[in-house]
Amino acid sequence: MTPLHPKKLLLTKWTAVNPIAKNKHFLVSRVIKPELPELAIEWVELEAVYSNAVRRIHWRQLQDETIWRRGWQGTLGQQP
């Protein structure tokens, strides 16, 4: 996988390998900046495409190919 940088994650598309609460396709809707600017970014918010449910995860989890795939994979027009 191509290296990820947290500052460039905003609005990127992701597919969950295993659906999360019946959601498979997600968009990074927010990169959460730390209170102190010298600290590294740790968290992002993912928004489900169909349900608009929002979940906060550590951005490095997106590098785990057993959990996430970059882009929207599979059929977007069908709900599982």
N, C-alpha and C. Protein backbone atom coordinates (compact mmCIF):
# COMPACT_ATOMS: atom_id res chain seq x y z
N MET A 1 0.85 -1.18 0.00
CA MET A 1 0.00 0.00 0.00
C MET A 1 0.89 1.24 0.00
N THR A 2 0.47 2.24 -0.72
CA THR A 2 1.16 3.51 -0.75
C THR A 2 1.10 4.15 0.63
N PRO A 3 2.19 4.75 1.11
CA PRO A 3 2.17 5.37 2.43
C PRO A 3 1.09 6.45 2.53
N LEU A 4 0.49 6.54 3.72
CA LEU A 4 -0.55 7.54 3.97
C LEU A 4 0.02 8.65 4.84
N HIS A 5 -0.47 9.85 4.62
CA HIS A 5 -0.13 10.97 5.48
C HIS A 5 -1.43 11.51 6.03
N PRO A 6 -1.56 11.69 7.36
CA PRO A 6 -2.84 12.07 7.94
C PRO A 6 -3.40 13.39 7.43
N LYS A 7 -2.54 14.32 7.05
CA LYS A 7 -3.03 15.61 6.58
C LYS A 7 -3.67 15.51 5.20
N LYS A 8 -3.44 14.42 4.48
CA LYS A 8 -3.99 14.25 3.13
C LYS A 8 -5.15 13.27 3.09
N LEU A 9 -5.68 12.90 4.24
CA LEU A 9 -6.76 11.91 4.29
C LEU A 9 -8.15 12.50 4.07
N LEU A 10 -8.32 13.79 4.29
CA LEU A 10 -9.64 14.40 4.20
C LEU A 10 -10.28 14.10 2.84
N LEU A 11 -11.52 13.62 2.90
CA LEU A 11 -12.36 13.27 1.73
C LEU A 11 -11.87 12.06 0.94
N THR A 12 -10.97 11.26 1.52
CA THR A 12 -10.58 10.03 0.84
C THR A 12 -11.65 8.97 1.07
N LYS A 13 -11.73 8.02 0.15
CA LYS A 13 -12.77 6.99 0.16
C LYS A 13 -12.17 5.66 0.63
N TRP A 14 -12.95 4.92 1.43
CA TRP A 14 -12.49 3.66 2.00
C TRP A 14 -13.60 2.63 1.98
N THR A 15 -13.20 1.37 1.84
CA THR A 15 -14.13 0.24 1.89
C THR A 15 -13.73 -0.65 3.06
N ALA A 16 -14.69 -0.95 3.92
CA ALA A 16 -14.44 -1.87 5.02
C ALA A 16 -14.41 -3.29 4.47
N VAL A 17 -13.41 -4.07 4.82
CA VAL A 17 -13.30 -5.45 4.37
C VAL A 17 -14.52 -6.23 4.88
N ASN A 18 -14.87 -6.02 6.14
CA ASN A 18 -16.07 -6.61 6.74
C ASN A 18 -17.01 -5.46 7.08
N PRO A 19 -18.25 -5.48 6.59
CA PRO A 19 -19.17 -4.38 6.85
C PRO A 19 -19.28 -4.05 8.34
N ILE A 20 -19.39 -2.76 8.62
CA ILE A 20 -19.53 -2.26 9.98
C ILE A 20 -20.94 -1.72 10.12
N ALA A 21 -21.75 -2.37 10.94
CA ALA A 21 -23.16 -1.98 11.13
C ALA A 21 -23.86 -1.83 9.77
N LYS A 22 -23.65 -2.82 8.90
CA LYS A 22 -24.23 -2.89 7.56
C LYS A 22 -23.71 -1.81 6.61
N ASN A 23 -22.65 -1.12 6.98
CA ASN A 23 -22.03 -0.12 6.11
C ASN A 23 -20.69 -0.65 5.61
N LYS A 24 -20.45 -0.43 4.33
CA LYS A 24 -19.22 -0.91 3.74
C LYS A 24 -18.36 0.22 3.19
N HIS A 25 -18.99 1.28 2.69
CA HIS A 25 -18.27 2.38 2.05
C HIS A 25 -18.27 3.61 2.95
N PHE A 26 -17.07 4.19 3.10
CA PHE A 26 -16.88 5.31 4.01
C PHE A 26 -16.06 6.41 3.35
N LEU A 27 -16.21 7.62 3.90
CA LEU A 27 -15.48 8.79 3.46
C LEU A 27 -14.86 9.43 4.69
N VAL A 28 -13.60 9.83 4.61
CA VAL A 28 -13.00 10.55 5.74
C VAL A 28 -13.59 11.96 5.72
N SER A 29 -14.46 12.23 6.69
CA SER A 29 -15.17 13.51 6.73
C SER A 29 -14.47 14.56 7.57
N ARG A 30 -13.53 14.11 8.41
CA ARG A 30 -12.85 15.07 9.28
C ARG A 30 -11.53 14.48 9.76
N VAL A 31 -10.48 15.29 9.71
CA VAL A 31 -9.20 14.94 10.32
C VAL A 31 -9.14 15.73 11.62
N ILE A 32 -9.05 15.04 12.73
CA ILE A 32 -9.11 15.70 14.03
C ILE A 32 -7.71 16.14 14.44
N LYS A 33 -7.54 17.45 14.53
CA LYS A 33 -6.24 18.01 14.89
C LYS A 33 -6.11 18.04 16.41
N PRO A 34 -4.91 17.77 16.91
CA PRO A 34 -4.71 17.78 18.36
C PRO A 34 -4.79 19.21 18.91
N GLU A 35 -5.03 19.32 20.21
CA GLU A 35 -5.12 20.64 20.83
C GLU A 35 -3.81 21.41 20.72
N LEU A 36 -2.70 20.72 20.88
CA LEU A 36 -1.40 21.37 20.74
C LEU A 36 -0.87 21.13 19.33
N PRO A 37 -0.57 22.20 18.59
CA PRO A 37 -0.15 22.04 17.18
C PRO A 37 1.10 21.20 16.97
N GLU A 38 1.96 21.10 17.97
CA GLU A 38 3.19 20.33 17.78
C GLU A 38 2.97 18.81 17.90
N LEU A 39 1.79 18.42 18.37
CA LEU A 39 1.48 17.00 18.46
C LEU A 39 1.00 16.46 17.11
N ALA A 40 1.20 15.17 16.91
CA ALA A 40 0.81 14.53 15.65
C ALA A 40 -0.69 14.26 15.61
N ILE A 41 -1.23 14.27 14.41
CA ILE A 41 -2.63 13.91 14.20
C ILE A 41 -2.78 12.42 14.50
N GLU A 42 -3.81 12.07 15.27
CA GLU A 42 -4.02 10.67 15.61
C GLU A 42 -5.37 10.13 15.13
N TRP A 43 -6.39 10.97 15.04
CA TRP A 43 -7.76 10.50 14.81
C TRP A 43 -8.36 11.10 13.54
N VAL A 44 -9.24 10.31 12.92
CA VAL A 44 -10.07 10.80 11.81
C VAL A 44 -11.50 10.34 12.06
N GLU A 45 -12.43 11.03 11.43
CA GLU A 45 -13.82 10.60 11.48
C GLU A 45 -14.20 10.07 10.11
N LEU A 46 -14.79 8.88 10.11
CA LEU A 46 -15.28 8.26 8.88
C LEU A 46 -16.79 8.38 8.87
N GLU A 47 -17.33 8.76 7.72
CA GLU A 47 -18.78 8.84 7.57
C GLU A 47 -19.23 7.78 6.58
N ALA A 48 -20.21 6.98 6.99
CA ALA A 48 -20.75 5.94 6.12
C ALA A 48 -21.52 6.60 4.98
N VAL A 49 -21.33 6.09 3.77
CA VAL A 49 -21.96 6.68 2.60
C VAL A 49 -23.48 6.57 2.64
N TYR A 50 -24.00 5.41 3.02
CA TYR A 50 -25.46 5.20 2.97
C TYR A 50 -26.19 5.71 4.21
N SER A 51 -25.66 5.45 5.38
CA SER A 51 -26.39 5.81 6.60
C SER A 51 -25.95 7.13 7.21
N ASN A 52 -24.85 7.70 6.75
CA ASN A 52 -24.27 8.92 7.30
C ASN A 52 -23.82 8.75 8.75
N ALA A 53 -23.72 7.52 9.23
CA ALA A 53 -23.21 7.27 10.58
C ALA A 53 -21.73 7.67 10.62
N VAL A 54 -21.33 8.27 11.72
CA VAL A 54 -19.95 8.74 11.87
C VAL A 54 -19.28 7.94 12.95
N ARG A 55 -18.05 7.53 12.68
CA ARG A 55 -17.25 6.82 13.68
C ARG A 55 -15.85 7.39 13.67
N ARG A 56 -15.24 7.46 14.85
CA ARG A 56 -13.89 7.98 15.01
C ARG A 56 -12.93 6.80 15.13
N ILE A 57 -11.85 6.84 14.34
CA ILE A 57 -10.84 5.78 14.42
C ILE A 57 -9.45 6.42 14.41
N HIS A 58 -8.48 5.65 14.87
CA HIS A 58 -7.09 6.07 14.76
C HIS A 58 -6.72 5.99 13.28
N TRP A 59 -6.15 7.03 12.71
CA TRP A 59 -5.93 7.07 11.27
C TRP A 59 -5.02 5.95 10.79
N ARG A 60 -4.15 5.44 11.63
CA ARG A 60 -3.23 4.36 11.21
C ARG A 60 -3.96 3.04 10.96
N GLN A 61 -5.18 2.89 11.48
CA GLN A 61 -5.95 1.68 11.18
C GLN A 61 -6.24 1.56 9.70
N LEU A 62 -6.27 2.68 9.00
CA LEU A 62 -6.54 2.65 7.56
C LEU A 62 -5.42 1.96 6.78
N GLN A 63 -4.26 1.81 7.39
CA GLN A 63 -3.14 1.14 6.74
C GLN A 63 -3.24 -0.38 6.84
N ASP A 64 -4.14 -0.88 7.66
CA ASP A 64 -4.31 -2.32 7.84
C ASP A 64 -5.23 -2.86 6.75
N GLU A 65 -4.66 -3.56 5.78
CA GLU A 65 -5.43 -4.08 4.64
C GLU A 65 -6.37 -5.21 5.01
N THR A 66 -6.28 -5.73 6.23
CA THR A 66 -7.24 -6.74 6.66
C THR A 66 -8.53 -6.08 7.17
N ILE A 67 -8.50 -4.76 7.35
CA ILE A 67 -9.67 -4.02 7.83
C ILE A 67 -10.21 -3.06 6.77
N TRP A 68 -9.32 -2.35 6.10
CA TRP A 68 -9.71 -1.29 5.15
C TRP A 68 -9.03 -1.45 3.81
N ARG A 69 -9.75 -1.06 2.75
CA ARG A 69 -9.20 -0.98 1.40
C ARG A 69 -9.41 0.45 0.90
N ARG A 70 -8.40 0.98 0.24
CA ARG A 70 -8.50 2.34 -0.27
C ARG A 70 -9.44 2.38 -1.46
N GLY A 71 -10.31 3.39 -1.51
CA GLY A 71 -11.28 3.52 -2.59
C GLY A 71 -12.57 2.79 -2.25
N TRP A 72 -13.55 2.91 -3.13
CA TRP A 72 -14.82 2.22 -2.94
C TRP A 72 -14.80 0.99 -3.82
N GLN A 73 -14.74 -0.18 -3.21
CA GLN A 73 -14.63 -1.44 -3.91
C GLN A 73 -15.97 -2.15 -3.90
N GLY A 74 -16.24 -2.93 -4.89
CA GLY A 74 -17.50 -3.67 -4.95
C GLY A 74 -18.59 -2.80 -5.55
N THR A 75 -19.82 -3.22 -5.42
CA THR A 75 -20.95 -2.50 -5.99
C THR A 75 -21.45 -1.48 -5.00
N LEU A 76 -21.40 -0.22 -5.38
CA LEU A 76 -21.83 0.86 -4.50
C LEU A 76 -23.35 0.98 -4.46
N GLY A 77 -24.02 0.55 -5.49
CA GLY A 77 -25.47 0.73 -5.57
C GLY A 77 -26.30 -0.29 -4.80
N GLN A 78 -25.65 -1.28 -4.19
CA GLN A 78 -26.38 -2.33 -3.49
C GLN A 78 -25.98 -2.36 -2.02
N GLN A 79 -26.96 -2.47 -1.16
CA GLN A 79 -26.72 -2.64 0.27
C GLN A 79 -26.56 -4.12 0.56
N PRO A 80 -25.63 -4.50 1.44
CA PRO A 80 -25.48 -5.92 1.79
C PRO A 80 -26.68 -6.43 2.56
